[in-house]
Amino acid sequence: MKRVLIITYYWPPSGGSGVQRWLKMSKYLPENGWQPVIYTAKDAEYPVEDKSLEKDVTPEAEVIRRPIVEPYSFYKKFLGIKKGEKVKAGFINEGKKKSSWKENLSVWLRGNFFIPDARCWWIKPSVRFLKKYLKEHPVDAMISTGPPHSMHLIAKALHTKLNIPWVADFRDPWTEIDYYDKFKLTRWADRKHHRLEHEVLSTADKVVTVSPNWASRLDRLGAKGALTIYNGYDGGDSTQKTSSLPKEFTLTYLGVLSAIQNPENLWKAIGELINENDDFSKDFRINMIGQIDSSVKQSIEDNKLSDYVTFSPYISHDKVSQVQKNTTMLLLLLMPDTEIRAKGLLTGKMFEYLASGRPILCIGPEDGDAAHIINECNAGATAGFDNKEKIKEIIKDYYNRFITTGLPDNTTASIEKYSRKALAKEYSKLLEGLSQNHHDNG
């Protein structure tokens, strides 16, 4: 079995979206002839923890944990945040109308001194450790996954020193991430971010990302033929099938929801439907499960929907599948068309929604990658953030289907190519090609 080093900050007990791609990919690499060697942080400051994910760590994996120094303890002490509270990416407090001078200073320091991110102090000690480790325990290929993009800089240094075939895997963009312009960057810091990004994209043997749109954008920034390998769903996550769907028309959202994703026109459309249709008013419920920004909660209250909405905290991943199957319709909130990365936003959650068999209401670019896959799989409908009338018509249409047919499971065989198992096979072929090419070129 060949060995692949996977450099990732997120690993169980980390929960949330950041851990899923490489936890799941590594789960299926061994059956394709690759042993994953995971290099990750010890006692890291994860935004969410989920110990149920430990079961997905393949027995074949070698997991190396090394201590990491992060600025979060200082940040919490500076702002008077309790030690156990979690910190958002980039120290960005979304949804607040006005930030304190301490919060503004913290964001400025984060953007201008912690480049590319708050894990930058881990780069040099990781390179020192791995350089020695890899000479004693060679690998056939190496993958770095970001964000945080410090992982790419670790891999770049090792690639330069040891000439190991390297894939830079971008789960999210770097300088085109939606909160990049909120870092209050100096011209010097902005140039450094772009320079480091270009070095990674142009130096890696292969750049991989999660959607066709992002692949083309990474090529414009310096990659050489960036490849798309989707996030996908894991068939092993499925629990028992739903025996009976809810009696109420239930729209469910699961995951993190930021201020920029707040679907103002969705709340307005639902408010109008409630006022216009007494039956809909009696039947309709919304479940919001996960980390929901305060601005979203305020919008729901402003539209007089509070009595129809139930907020629940993050649930462990092993419970997600059953919750998805026990709802009438699933809500997927992407980003407005005005955001650079909106058209390529393809979350792992979307594929899990597909696998659940429940119809999807997607709010996002109508010509985006997510809309294309939802249409291809006949799995729901997409409306733009500004298209209130279309959002309203979609909900009305699915409500009418609900009261006539109950909206039975709509899973089709067309989603199989998006399984984590199939995608791991695709990734293994890529690694095999890079490894063989490296061997042939001596």
Protein backbone atom coordinates (compact mmCIF):
# COMPACT_ATOMS: atom_id res chain seq x y z
CA MET A 1 0.00 0.00 0.00
CA LYS A 2 1.34 3.43 -0.96
CA ARG A 3 1.44 6.21 1.64
CA VAL A 4 0.02 9.72 1.31
CA LEU A 5 0.73 12.47 3.84
CA ILE A 6 -2.39 14.60 4.48
CA ILE A 7 -1.64 17.92 6.20
CA THR A 8 -4.87 19.15 7.79
CA TYR A 9 -5.70 21.41 10.71
CA TYR A 10 -9.21 19.97 11.08
CA TRP A 11 -9.44 16.41 12.40
CA PRO A 12 -11.65 14.78 15.06
CA PRO A 13 -12.58 15.86 17.67
CA SER A 14 -13.16 18.83 15.35
CA GLY A 15 -16.75 19.00 14.12
CA GLY A 16 -18.39 21.18 11.49
CA SER A 17 -17.78 21.37 7.76
CA GLY A 18 -14.00 21.82 7.75
CA VAL A 19 -13.24 18.29 8.93
CA GLN A 20 -15.59 16.36 6.66
CA ARG A 21 -13.77 16.35 3.32
CA TRP A 22 -10.52 14.73 4.43
CA LEU A 23 -11.95 12.62 7.22
CA LYS A 24 -14.28 11.02 4.66
CA MET A 25 -11.78 10.94 1.79
CA SER A 26 -9.17 9.22 3.96
CA LYS A 27 -11.79 6.69 5.08
CA TYR A 28 -11.99 5.27 1.54
CA LEU A 29 -8.38 5.74 0.36
CA PRO A 30 -7.13 2.39 1.78
CA GLU A 31 -9.49 0.35 -0.41
CA ASN A 32 -7.86 2.14 -3.36
CA GLY A 33 -4.32 1.23 -2.30
CA TRP A 34 -3.36 4.35 -0.30
CA GLN A 35 -2.61 4.53 3.42
CA PRO A 36 -3.42 8.00 4.83
CA VAL A 37 -0.79 9.52 7.13
CA ILE A 38 -2.59 12.38 8.87
CA TYR A 39 -0.55 15.30 10.20
CA THR A 40 -2.75 17.47 12.41
CA ALA A 41 -2.80 19.78 15.41
CA LYS A 42 -2.86 18.68 19.02
CA ASP A 43 -5.27 20.50 21.39
CA ALA A 44 -6.38 22.89 18.63
CA GLU A 45 -8.98 25.65 19.05
CA TYR A 46 -11.84 24.20 16.99
CA PRO A 47 -15.03 26.28 16.48
CA VAL A 48 -17.10 23.09 16.97
CA GLU A 49 -16.27 19.69 18.44
CA ASP A 50 -17.99 16.42 17.51
CA LYS A 51 -16.61 13.24 19.01
CA SER A 52 -19.08 11.09 17.06
CA LEU A 53 -16.80 11.57 14.02
CA GLU A 54 -14.05 9.47 15.62
CA LYS A 55 -15.79 6.37 14.24
CA ASP A 56 -14.96 7.50 10.68
CA VAL A 57 -11.19 7.49 11.24
CA THR A 58 -10.06 4.47 9.23
CA PRO A 59 -8.01 1.89 11.20
CA GLU A 60 -5.35 2.06 8.46
CA ALA A 61 -4.68 5.75 9.16
CA GLU A 62 -1.51 6.82 10.92
CA VAL A 63 -2.38 9.97 12.86
CA ILE A 64 0.41 12.32 13.95
CA ARG A 65 -0.62 15.11 16.32
CA ARG A 66 1.78 17.94 17.09
CA PRO A 67 1.33 20.85 19.54
CA ILE A 68 0.13 24.10 18.02
CA VAL A 69 0.38 27.68 19.31
CA GLU A 70 -2.66 29.80 18.47
CA PRO A 71 -3.53 33.39 19.47
CA TYR A 72 -7.04 32.57 20.65
CA SER A 73 -6.33 32.58 24.40
CA PHE A 74 -4.86 36.09 24.11
CA TYR A 75 -7.80 37.20 21.95
CA LYS A 76 -10.35 35.91 24.46
CA LYS A 77 -8.55 37.52 27.39
CA PHE A 78 -8.26 40.83 25.49
CA LEU A 79 -12.01 40.91 24.73
CA GLY A 80 -13.18 39.37 28.00
CA ILE A 81 -14.56 36.28 26.28
CA LYS A 82 -15.05 33.21 28.46
CA LYS A 83 -12.37 30.56 28.06
CA GLY A 84 -14.82 27.90 26.82
CA GLU A 85 -16.47 30.11 24.17
CA LYS A 86 -15.70 29.44 20.51
CA VAL A 87 -14.22 32.02 18.13
CA LYS A 88 -15.42 32.64 14.57
CA ALA A 89 -13.09 32.43 11.57
CA GLY A 90 -10.82 35.46 11.27
CA PHE A 91 -12.14 36.92 14.55
CA ILE A 92 -15.01 38.34 12.45
CA ASN A 93 -18.13 39.16 14.48
CA GLU A 94 -20.82 39.10 11.82
CA GLY A 95 -24.20 40.70 12.14
CA LYS A 96 -23.14 43.33 14.68
CA LYS A 97 -24.05 46.86 13.69
CA LYS A 98 -21.02 48.28 15.47
CA SER A 99 -17.86 46.56 16.69
CA SER A 100 -15.84 47.76 19.66
CA TRP A 101 -12.36 49.23 19.19
CA LYS A 102 -10.93 46.05 20.70
CA GLU A 103 -12.76 43.90 18.15
CA ASN A 104 -11.63 46.15 15.29
CA LEU A 105 -8.03 46.06 16.51
CA SER A 106 -8.15 42.26 16.82
CA VAL A 107 -9.39 41.89 13.23
CA TRP A 108 -6.69 44.29 11.99
CA LEU A 109 -3.97 42.36 13.83
CA ARG A 110 -5.34 39.06 12.51
CA GLY A 111 -5.30 40.26 8.90
CA ASN A 112 -1.97 42.06 8.93
CA PHE A 113 0.23 40.08 11.32
CA PHE A 114 -1.11 36.51 11.13
CA ILE A 115 -0.50 35.77 7.46
CA PRO A 116 -2.03 33.74 5.97
CA ASP A 117 -4.02 32.88 9.12
CA ALA A 118 -3.90 32.38 12.87
CA ARG A 119 -2.03 29.05 12.48
CA CYS A 120 1.03 30.65 10.86
CA TRP A 121 3.17 30.01 13.99
CA TRP A 122 2.75 26.27 13.30
CA ILE A 123 4.45 26.38 9.89
CA LYS A 124 8.17 26.35 10.84
CA PRO A 125 7.95 23.78 13.67
CA SER A 126 5.83 21.52 11.43
CA VAL A 127 8.34 21.73 8.58
CA ARG A 128 11.20 20.90 10.96
CA PHE A 129 9.35 17.90 12.38
CA LEU A 130 8.05 16.55 9.09
CA LYS A 131 11.36 16.97 7.28
CA LYS A 132 12.95 14.59 9.78
CA TYR A 133 9.92 12.28 9.94
CA LEU A 134 9.65 11.90 6.15
CA LYS A 135 13.31 11.00 5.75
CA GLU A 136 12.72 8.10 8.17
CA HIS A 137 9.18 7.26 7.00
CA PRO A 138 8.87 8.17 3.28
CA VAL A 139 5.55 8.83 1.57
CA ASP A 140 4.62 8.57 -2.10
CA ALA A 141 2.56 11.76 -2.25
CA MET A 142 1.39 14.66 -0.11
CA ILE A 143 -1.87 16.63 0.18
CA SER A 144 -2.38 19.92 1.99
CA THR A 145 -5.94 21.07 2.61
CA GLY A 146 -6.99 24.63 3.39
CA PRO A 147 -8.24 26.74 4.91
CA PRO A 148 -6.35 27.38 7.05
CA HIS A 149 -3.91 28.03 4.23
CA SER A 150 -0.90 27.70 6.53
CA MET A 151 -1.25 23.99 5.73
CA HIS A 152 -0.31 24.75 2.11
CA LEU A 153 2.79 26.65 3.22
CA ILE A 154 3.93 23.65 5.27
CA ALA A 155 3.52 21.42 2.22
CA LYS A 156 5.21 23.92 -0.10
CA ALA A 157 8.33 23.96 2.09
CA LEU A 158 8.44 20.15 2.22
CA HIS A 159 7.88 19.90 -1.53
CA THR A 160 10.79 22.28 -2.15
CA LYS A 161 13.14 20.50 0.29
CA LEU A 162 12.18 16.85 -0.35
CA ASN A 163 10.62 16.90 -3.84
CA ILE A 164 7.49 14.99 -2.75
CA PRO A 165 4.58 15.03 -5.27
CA TRP A 166 2.12 17.56 -3.87
CA VAL A 167 -1.60 18.29 -4.25
CA ALA A 168 -2.88 21.61 -2.85
CA ASP A 169 -6.55 21.01 -2.00
CA PHE A 170 -8.70 24.13 -1.62
CA ARG A 171 -11.94 23.50 0.27
CA ASP A 172 -12.48 27.27 0.21
CA PRO A 173 -10.76 30.16 -1.61
CA TRP A 174 -7.92 32.20 -0.11
CA THR A 175 -8.00 35.84 -1.23
CA GLU A 176 -11.50 35.38 -2.67
CA ILE A 177 -13.07 34.15 0.58
CA ASP A 178 -16.12 36.27 1.45
CA TYR A 179 -14.59 37.80 4.62
CA TYR A 180 -11.18 38.63 3.09
CA ASP A 181 -12.05 42.31 2.63
CA LYS A 182 -13.11 42.56 6.29
CA PHE A 183 -9.52 42.07 7.53
CA LYS A 184 -8.68 45.78 7.16
CA LEU A 185 -5.52 44.83 5.27
CA THR A 186 -2.67 47.21 4.60
CA ARG A 187 -1.36 47.29 1.04
CA TRP A 188 1.70 45.34 2.20
CA ALA A 189 -0.40 42.60 3.83
CA ASP A 190 -2.70 42.31 0.81
CA ARG A 191 0.30 41.90 -1.50
CA LYS A 192 1.77 39.24 0.79
CA HIS A 193 -1.49 37.25 0.86
CA HIS A 194 -1.66 37.32 -2.95
CA ARG A 195 2.03 36.49 -3.34
CA LEU A 196 1.79 33.45 -1.04
CA GLU A 197 -1.42 32.32 -2.73
CA HIS A 198 0.23 32.53 -6.16
CA GLU A 199 3.31 30.64 -4.94
CA VAL A 200 1.15 27.77 -3.69
CA LEU A 201 -1.01 27.65 -6.83
CA SER A 202 1.94 27.77 -9.22
CA THR A 203 4.27 25.44 -7.27
CA ALA A 204 1.95 22.53 -6.40
CA ASP A 205 2.02 19.59 -8.81
CA LYS A 206 -1.77 19.73 -8.87
CA VAL A 207 -4.39 22.08 -7.47
CA VAL A 208 -7.77 20.58 -6.57
CA THR A 209 -10.94 22.31 -5.43
CA VAL A 210 -14.60 21.45 -4.88
CA SER A 211 -16.41 23.03 -7.85
CA PRO A 212 -15.86 23.85 -11.55
CA ASN A 213 -16.34 27.58 -10.99
CA TRP A 214 -13.70 27.73 -8.28
CA ALA A 215 -11.32 25.63 -10.39
CA SER A 216 -11.48 28.20 -13.20
CA ARG A 217 -10.97 31.06 -10.73
CA LEU A 218 -7.91 29.35 -9.22
CA ASP A 219 -6.48 28.98 -12.74
CA ARG A 220 -6.81 32.75 -13.19
CA LEU A 221 -4.88 33.23 -9.94
CA GLY A 222 -1.97 31.04 -10.97
CA ALA A 223 -2.94 27.35 -10.90
CA LYS A 224 -2.14 25.15 -13.88
CA GLY A 225 -5.33 23.29 -14.81
CA ALA A 226 -7.03 23.11 -11.41
CA LEU A 227 -9.13 19.97 -11.04
CA THR A 228 -12.59 19.59 -9.50
CA ILE A 229 -13.21 16.75 -7.07
CA TYR A 230 -16.51 17.31 -5.29
CA ASN A 231 -17.18 17.01 -1.55
CA GLY A 232 -19.86 14.33 -1.83
CA TYR A 233 -21.93 12.33 0.64
CA ASP A 234 -20.99 9.26 2.66
CA GLY A 235 -23.42 6.35 2.23
CA GLY A 236 -22.10 5.00 5.51
CA ASP A 237 -23.70 7.94 7.36
CA SER A 238 -27.26 6.88 6.52
CA THR A 239 -29.44 5.70 9.36
CA GLN A 240 -32.85 4.04 9.05
CA LYS A 241 -35.24 5.30 6.41
CA THR A 242 -38.10 7.52 7.55
CA SER A 243 -41.25 5.44 7.94
CA SER A 244 -43.56 8.46 7.98
CA LEU A 245 -42.93 12.07 7.06
CA PRO A 246 -43.96 14.93 9.39
CA LYS A 247 -47.60 15.97 9.36
CA GLU A 248 -46.57 19.63 9.14
CA PHE A 249 -44.80 21.19 6.17
CA THR A 250 -41.34 21.54 7.73
CA LEU A 251 -38.45 23.47 6.18
CA THR A 252 -35.13 22.59 7.84
CA TYR A 253 -31.72 24.27 7.75
CA LEU A 254 -28.63 22.59 9.22
CA GLY A 255 -25.18 24.10 9.73
CA VAL A 256 -23.49 27.46 10.20
CA LEU A 257 -25.35 30.48 8.85
CA SER A 258 -23.47 33.78 8.51
CA ALA A 259 -24.82 37.30 8.13
CA ILE A 260 -23.91 37.40 4.44
CA GLN A 261 -26.14 34.35 3.83
CA ASN A 262 -29.19 35.87 5.51
CA PRO A 263 -32.05 35.30 2.99
CA GLU A 264 -34.15 38.42 3.60
CA ASN A 265 -36.45 37.63 0.67
CA LEU A 266 -37.11 34.12 1.94
CA TRP A 267 -38.45 35.48 5.23
CA LYS A 268 -40.57 38.03 3.32
CA ALA A 269 -41.95 35.34 0.98
CA ILE A 270 -42.87 33.06 3.88
CA GLY A 271 -44.51 35.97 5.70
CA GLU A 272 -46.67 36.70 2.66
CA LEU A 273 -47.67 33.04 2.25
CA ILE A 274 -48.70 32.86 5.91
CA ASN A 275 -50.86 35.97 5.53
CA GLU A 276 -52.43 34.78 2.27
CA ASN A 277 -53.14 31.12 3.11
CA ASP A 278 -54.68 30.03 6.41
CA ASP A 279 -53.93 26.35 5.75
CA PHE A 280 -50.28 27.14 5.06
CA SER A 281 -50.17 29.21 8.23
CA LYS A 282 -51.36 26.22 10.27
CA ASP A 283 -49.12 23.67 8.51
CA PHE A 284 -45.81 25.53 8.18
CA ARG A 285 -42.77 25.22 10.48
CA ILE A 286 -39.05 26.08 10.15
CA ASN A 287 -36.20 24.31 11.95
CA MET A 288 -32.90 26.22 12.17
CA ILE A 289 -30.23 23.87 13.50
CA GLY A 290 -26.64 25.01 14.14
CA GLN A 291 -24.75 28.28 14.56
CA ILE A 292 -27.13 30.96 13.33
CA ASP A 293 -25.92 34.56 13.15
CA SER A 294 -27.80 37.12 15.23
CA SER A 295 -28.71 39.13 12.12
CA VAL A 296 -30.67 36.13 10.78
CA LYS A 297 -32.61 35.80 14.02
CA GLN A 298 -33.38 39.52 13.90
CA SER A 299 -34.72 39.23 10.33
CA ILE A 300 -36.98 36.36 11.34
CA GLU A 301 -38.32 38.44 14.21
CA ASP A 302 -38.77 41.52 11.98
CA ASN A 303 -40.90 39.45 9.59
CA LYS A 304 -43.06 38.18 12.48
CA LEU A 305 -42.00 34.57 11.98
CA SER A 306 -40.70 33.84 15.47
CA ASP A 307 -43.72 31.65 16.32
CA TYR A 308 -42.99 29.46 13.29
CA VAL A 309 -39.27 28.95 13.88
CA THR A 310 -37.45 26.59 16.23
CA PHE A 311 -33.75 27.23 16.85
CA SER A 312 -31.59 24.31 17.94
CA PRO A 313 -27.83 24.13 18.64
CA TYR A 314 -25.30 22.14 16.61
CA ILE A 315 -26.09 18.43 16.53
CA SER A 316 -23.49 15.68 16.18
CA HIS A 317 -22.95 14.39 12.66
CA ASP A 318 -24.26 10.91 13.48
CA LYS A 319 -27.73 12.44 14.05
CA VAL A 320 -27.80 14.61 10.92
CA SER A 321 -28.97 11.93 8.48
CA GLN A 322 -32.09 11.08 10.45
CA VAL A 323 -33.00 14.75 10.96
CA GLN A 324 -32.72 15.33 7.23
CA LYS A 325 -34.95 12.38 6.44
CA ASN A 326 -37.56 13.55 8.96
CA THR A 327 -38.24 16.90 7.34
CA THR A 328 -40.48 17.87 4.43
CA MET A 329 -37.98 20.08 2.64
CA LEU A 330 -34.33 21.04 3.20
CA LEU A 331 -33.08 24.62 3.01
CA LEU A 332 -29.71 25.28 1.34
CA LEU A 333 -28.48 28.86 1.71
CA LEU A 334 -25.49 29.81 -0.45
CA MET A 335 -24.51 33.43 -1.17
CA PRO A 336 -25.81 36.34 -3.25
CA ASP A 337 -24.55 36.58 -6.85
CA THR A 338 -22.58 39.68 -5.86
CA GLU A 339 -20.11 37.53 -3.89
CA ILE A 340 -17.05 36.35 -5.85
CA ARG A 341 -17.27 32.74 -4.75
CA ALA A 342 -21.08 32.39 -4.89
CA LYS A 343 -21.40 30.48 -8.17
CA GLY A 344 -18.88 27.84 -7.10
CA LEU A 345 -20.14 27.31 -3.57
CA LEU A 346 -20.75 23.56 -3.26
CA THR A 347 -20.83 22.50 0.37
CA GLY A 348 -20.66 18.94 1.66
CA LYS A 349 -24.07 19.65 3.16
CA MET A 350 -25.62 19.94 -0.30
CA PHE A 351 -24.54 16.39 -1.16
CA GLU A 352 -25.82 15.09 2.18
CA TYR A 353 -29.12 16.78 1.37
CA LEU A 354 -29.13 14.96 -2.00
CA ALA A 355 -28.57 11.61 -0.30
CA SER A 356 -31.45 12.18 2.13
CA GLY A 357 -33.99 12.03 -0.69
CA ARG A 358 -35.80 15.13 0.52
CA PRO A 359 -36.44 18.04 -1.90
CA ILE A 360 -34.06 21.00 -1.62
CA LEU A 361 -34.93 24.68 -1.65
CA CYS A 362 -31.66 26.34 -2.67
CA ILE A 363 -31.25 30.11 -2.32
CA GLY A 364 -28.25 31.13 -4.41
CA PRO A 365 -27.08 31.80 -7.99
CA GLU A 366 -29.56 30.28 -10.41
CA ASP A 367 -26.71 29.58 -12.86
CA GLY A 368 -24.27 28.31 -10.21
CA ASP A 369 -22.68 24.89 -9.76
CA ALA A 370 -25.10 23.91 -6.97
CA ALA A 371 -28.14 24.79 -9.08
CA HIS A 372 -26.74 22.69 -11.93
CA ILE A 373 -26.37 19.58 -9.76
CA ILE A 374 -29.77 20.03 -8.10
CA ASN A 375 -31.38 20.29 -11.55
CA GLU A 376 -29.38 17.34 -12.88
CA CYS A 377 -30.54 15.15 -10.01
CA ASN A 378 -34.12 16.48 -10.06
CA ALA A 379 -33.61 17.18 -6.37
CA GLY A 380 -35.36 20.50 -5.85
CA ALA A 381 -35.32 24.08 -7.08
CA THR A 382 -33.06 27.16 -6.91
CA ALA A 383 -33.92 30.85 -6.66
CA GLY A 384 -31.62 33.85 -6.39
CA PHE A 385 -31.36 35.86 -3.17
CA ASP A 386 -33.13 38.80 -4.85
CA ASN A 387 -35.87 36.72 -6.48
CA LYS A 388 -38.60 36.86 -3.84
CA GLU A 389 -41.41 35.90 -6.23
CA LYS A 390 -39.61 32.77 -7.42
CA ILE A 391 -38.82 31.75 -3.82
CA LYS A 392 -42.51 32.19 -3.01
CA GLU A 393 -43.64 30.15 -6.04
CA ILE A 394 -41.24 27.29 -5.20
CA ILE A 395 -42.50 27.03 -1.63
CA LYS A 396 -46.13 27.26 -2.78
CA ASP A 397 -45.53 24.55 -5.39
CA TYR A 398 -43.93 22.14 -2.92
CA TYR A 399 -46.59 22.87 -0.32
CA ASN A 400 -49.30 21.93 -2.85
CA ARG A 401 -47.42 18.71 -3.63
CA PHE A 402 -47.11 18.07 0.10
CA ILE A 403 -50.85 18.25 0.73
CA THR A 404 -51.63 16.03 -2.28
CA THR A 405 -48.82 13.42 -2.27
CA GLY A 406 -46.91 13.94 0.99
CA LEU A 407 -43.67 14.45 -1.00
CA PRO A 408 -42.29 10.90 -0.96
CA ASP A 409 -38.54 10.13 -1.09
CA ASN A 410 -37.07 11.32 -4.41
CA THR A 411 -33.63 9.65 -4.27
CA THR A 412 -32.35 8.62 -7.69
CA ALA A 413 -29.40 6.53 -8.90
CA SER A 414 -27.92 9.66 -10.54
CA ILE A 415 -26.32 10.75 -7.26
CA GLU A 416 -24.01 7.71 -6.94
CA LYS A 417 -21.13 9.48 -8.68
CA TYR A 418 -21.18 12.01 -5.82
CA SER A 419 -20.56 9.40 -3.11
CA ARG A 420 -17.42 9.80 -0.99
CA LYS A 421 -16.41 6.28 -2.02
CA ALA A 422 -16.51 7.16 -5.73
CA LEU A 423 -14.72 10.46 -5.18
CA ALA A 424 -11.96 8.82 -3.12
CA LYS A 425 -11.38 6.50 -6.06
CA GLU A 426 -11.06 9.55 -8.31
CA TYR A 427 -8.57 11.13 -5.89
CA SER A 428 -6.58 7.89 -5.72
CA LYS A 429 -6.20 7.89 -9.51
CA LEU A 430 -4.83 11.43 -9.32
CA LEU A 431 -2.32 10.41 -6.63
CA GLU A 432 -1.31 7.35 -8.62
CA GLY A 433 -0.61 9.46 -11.69
CA LEU A 434 1.47 12.01 -9.76
CA SER A 435 3.41 9.28 -7.97
CA GLN A 436 4.11 7.38 -11.19
CA ASN A 437 5.16 10.53 -13.01
CA HIS A 438 7.53 11.41 -10.15
CA HIS A 439 9.00 7.91 -10.24
CA ASP A 440 9.46 7.98 -14.04
CA ASN A 441 11.21 11.35 -13.86
CA GLY A 442 13.51 10.07 -11.11
